[in-house]
Amino acid sequence: MAETLLTLENATIVFGGLTAVFRVNMHVDPGELVGLIGPNGAGKTTIFNLITGVYKLTEGSIELHDAEKDRTISLVGRKPYAVTRLGIARTFQNIRLFKEMTVLDNVRIALNGEVRSTLLASLTHLGRYHREERRLVEEAQRLLDVFDLGAKKDELARNLPYGEQRRLEIARAMATRPKLLLLDEPAAGMNPIETSALADTIARIRRDFDLTVLLIEHDMSLVMKICERIYVLDHGALIAEGTPAEVQSNERVIEAYLGDDDDI
């Protein structure tokens, strides 16, 4: 069995007197595509915020296994930029692009962590600076081509249609070269055609970039189509885990979330 990539054990966070997430145990293995579902307010995005260092656990642990160095790293107390450097990237429920920047620059800015030019070279635009700038532009263009946005590289991000803004946000996350990609409701606001295309895109980048994906999504047709395992949250606690078929037939899940919709 593959080594677990991400592990949450008894993850709990309390805001004042409100327990937002309570003793959540989850794991994500390398190469998996795992869904995290539940009603609004169940604590799904809070878990993403705990993983990425936006919030700090009240109790419990969150650990990332680095297979290359054969070590386990605690994510508790790490800043978001430090979590990103460890190989975890995310998108957001509400799109967070640099809307007054071009499509290309939105991706290029995420590549700046790879820049090795000295301050002097950057200020004088000499030597290594130009080589690195060319490399960053080429890499950004390559990622945009993967997401079918290459032809729009010079457009302002705010001028893209909604579905393309979503793809651009994923492309920017991919520019950090993650091992684990956290997608927070990527199909929100999309029509069925866009959602179907998104499912294909997620499957393709997962395969081509050897990615592990943890997905929050309310579109059950998308979740059931692409996820191999699913965790279900309700009021901050896990109420079920299993394959799509197991979750779909779980009475607690049906009562809390899925209802009697025959289309699910």
Foldseek 3Di string as FASTA:
>chain_A
DADWFKWWAQFWDADPNATQAGGATDTFGFLAEEEEEFDPSLCPVVVVCCQQVVDATPDTWMWGADPVVRDIDTPGPDHNVVSLLVFEFEADPDGDFPQQAFLLVRQLVLLCVVDDDDPVCVVVVDDPNVVVVVVSSVVSLVLCVLLVNNVRRGPGLNPDPPLVSLSSRVSSRCSSVHQEYEYEASCPPPDPVSLVVVLVSVVVCCVVSSHTYYYYHPPVVSCLVRHQKYWYGGSNYTDDIDGSVVLVPDPVNCVRPVPDPPVD
